[in-house]
Amino acid sequence: LVRDSLQNSLKIKRGLRTSEFNLKINAHLARGFTAAVIERVAEMKKLGVPPDIHTYNGLLQALGKECLHQEAWATILDMEAVGINPDVTSFNFLIHVSSHRTRGNLANSFHAGAPLQ
């Protein structure tokens, strides 16, 4: 009984820590501070605070705003590696960053005088 209580309190403490980081991440997102979002997620991992789906979706949102396509895909792979399944929101952010990448490539080709394929 004591062991179960201790395990439950550790889970609650971990959840609170994760949620505290998620609040900071959301505040950075609202201000458009992409680098700060990335730093908070790195800090979580360094401290051993487990990211959750909300953490990863915040990171994907930040990466999408900066059109960081490869980093967004790496985030999806990281999610799966730690046992978190991407959800609809995750894939919407991935589609968003991918669509910007495509538009950016087309625009760059057009401006460079390269033929569009």
Protein backbone atom coordinates (compact mmCIF):
# COMPACT_ATOMS: atom_id res chain seq x y z
CA LEU A 1 0.00 0.00 0.00
CA VAL A 2 2.79 2.44 0.89
CA ARG A 3 4.70 1.50 -2.26
CA ASP A 4 1.61 2.11 -4.42
CA SER A 5 1.06 5.47 -2.75
CA LEU A 6 4.68 6.44 -3.36
CA GLN A 7 4.47 5.40 -7.01
CA ASN A 8 1.27 7.40 -7.46
CA SER A 9 2.80 10.50 -5.88
CA LEU A 10 5.82 10.19 -8.18
CA LYS A 11 3.50 9.96 -11.19
CA ILE A 12 1.63 13.05 -10.01
CA LYS A 13 4.87 14.93 -9.43
CA ARG A 14 6.13 13.97 -12.90
CA GLY A 15 2.81 15.00 -14.42
CA LEU A 16 2.93 18.35 -12.68
CA ARG A 17 6.47 18.94 -13.86
CA THR A 18 5.48 18.09 -17.42
CA SER A 19 2.45 20.35 -17.21
CA GLU A 20 4.56 23.18 -15.79
CA PHE A 21 6.89 22.93 -18.77
CA ASN A 22 3.90 22.74 -21.12
CA LEU A 23 2.56 26.00 -19.67
CA LYS A 24 5.90 27.66 -20.38
CA ILE A 25 5.98 26.19 -23.88
CA ASN A 26 2.48 27.49 -24.59
CA ALA A 27 3.45 30.95 -23.33
CA HIS A 28 6.48 30.95 -25.65
CA LEU A 29 4.29 29.81 -28.55
CA ALA A 30 1.84 32.65 -27.92
CA ARG A 31 4.70 35.14 -28.15
CA GLY A 32 6.25 33.49 -31.21
CA PHE A 33 9.45 32.50 -29.38
CA THR A 34 10.35 29.35 -31.32
CA ALA A 35 13.89 29.10 -29.94
CA ALA A 36 12.53 29.24 -26.38
CA VAL A 37 10.14 26.36 -27.14
CA ILE A 38 13.02 24.25 -28.44
CA GLU A 39 15.12 25.16 -25.38
CA ARG A 40 12.33 24.19 -22.95
CA VAL A 41 11.89 20.78 -24.60
CA ALA A 42 15.66 20.19 -24.48
CA GLU A 43 15.68 21.25 -20.82
CA MET A 44 12.89 18.78 -20.05
CA LYS A 45 14.84 15.93 -21.57
CA LYS A 46 18.03 16.96 -19.78
CA LEU A 47 16.21 17.01 -16.42
CA GLY A 48 14.49 13.69 -17.11
CA VAL A 49 11.03 15.23 -17.25
CA PRO A 50 9.05 13.15 -19.73
CA PRO A 51 7.45 15.11 -22.58
CA ASP A 52 3.85 14.23 -23.37
CA ILE A 53 1.70 14.65 -26.48
CA HIS A 54 1.07 18.31 -25.61
CA THR A 55 4.79 18.98 -25.32
CA TYR A 56 5.47 17.42 -28.70
CA ASN A 57 2.55 19.18 -30.37
CA GLY A 58 3.80 22.51 -29.03
CA LEU A 59 7.22 21.73 -30.45
CA LEU A 60 5.69 20.74 -33.81
CA GLN A 61 3.72 23.98 -33.87
CA ALA A 62 6.89 26.00 -33.26
CA LEU A 63 8.80 24.09 -35.92
CA GLY A 64 5.93 24.62 -38.34
CA LYS A 65 6.02 28.38 -37.82
CA GLU A 66 9.68 28.37 -38.80
CA CYS A 67 9.15 25.91 -41.68
CA LEU A 68 11.65 23.46 -40.16
CA HIS A 69 10.54 20.39 -42.11
CA GLN A 70 13.34 17.97 -41.18
CA GLU A 71 13.13 18.87 -37.51
CA ALA A 72 9.38 18.29 -37.54
CA TRP A 73 9.83 14.80 -39.01
CA ALA A 74 12.59 14.09 -36.46
CA THR A 75 10.13 15.10 -33.73
CA ILE A 76 7.55 12.60 -35.02
CA LEU A 77 10.21 9.87 -34.97
CA ASP A 78 11.25 10.89 -31.45
CA MET A 79 7.64 10.69 -30.30
CA GLU A 80 7.31 7.17 -31.63
CA ALA A 81 10.67 6.17 -30.09
CA VAL A 82 9.46 7.14 -26.60
CA GLY A 83 6.09 5.46 -27.08
CA ILE A 84 3.92 8.50 -27.78
CA ASN A 85 1.69 8.08 -30.79
CA PRO A 86 1.24 11.21 -32.89
CA ASP A 87 -2.38 12.37 -32.93
CA VAL A 88 -4.44 14.34 -35.44
CA THR A 89 -2.99 17.60 -34.16
CA SER A 90 0.55 16.28 -34.63
CA PHE A 91 -0.14 15.34 -38.22
CA ASN A 92 -1.87 18.66 -38.92
CA PHE A 93 1.28 20.50 -37.82
CA LEU A 94 3.36 18.14 -39.95
CA ILE A 95 1.15 18.82 -42.99
CA HIS A 96 1.43 22.54 -42.30
CA VAL A 97 5.23 22.51 -42.21
CA SER A 98 5.37 20.26 -45.27
CA SER A 99 3.08 22.54 -47.28
CA HIS A 100 5.26 25.55 -46.45
CA ARG A 101 8.34 23.63 -47.51
CA THR A 102 6.75 22.82 -50.86
CA ARG A 103 5.65 26.40 -51.42
CA GLY A 104 9.07 27.66 -50.40
CA ASN A 105 10.82 25.33 -52.84
CA LEU A 106 8.53 26.41 -55.66
CA ALA A 107 9.05 30.08 -54.85
CA ASN A 108 12.82 29.63 -54.67
CA SER A 109 12.84 27.82 -58.02
CA PHE A 110 10.75 30.54 -59.60
CA HIS A 111 12.96 33.35 -58.28
CA ALA A 112 16.13 31.52 -59.31
CA GLY A 113 14.81 31.18 -62.86
CA ALA A 114 14.74 27.38 -62.62
CA PRO A 115 11.95 25.63 -64.51
CA LEU A 116 9.09 24.41 -62.34
CA GLN A 117 8.57 20.67 -62.45
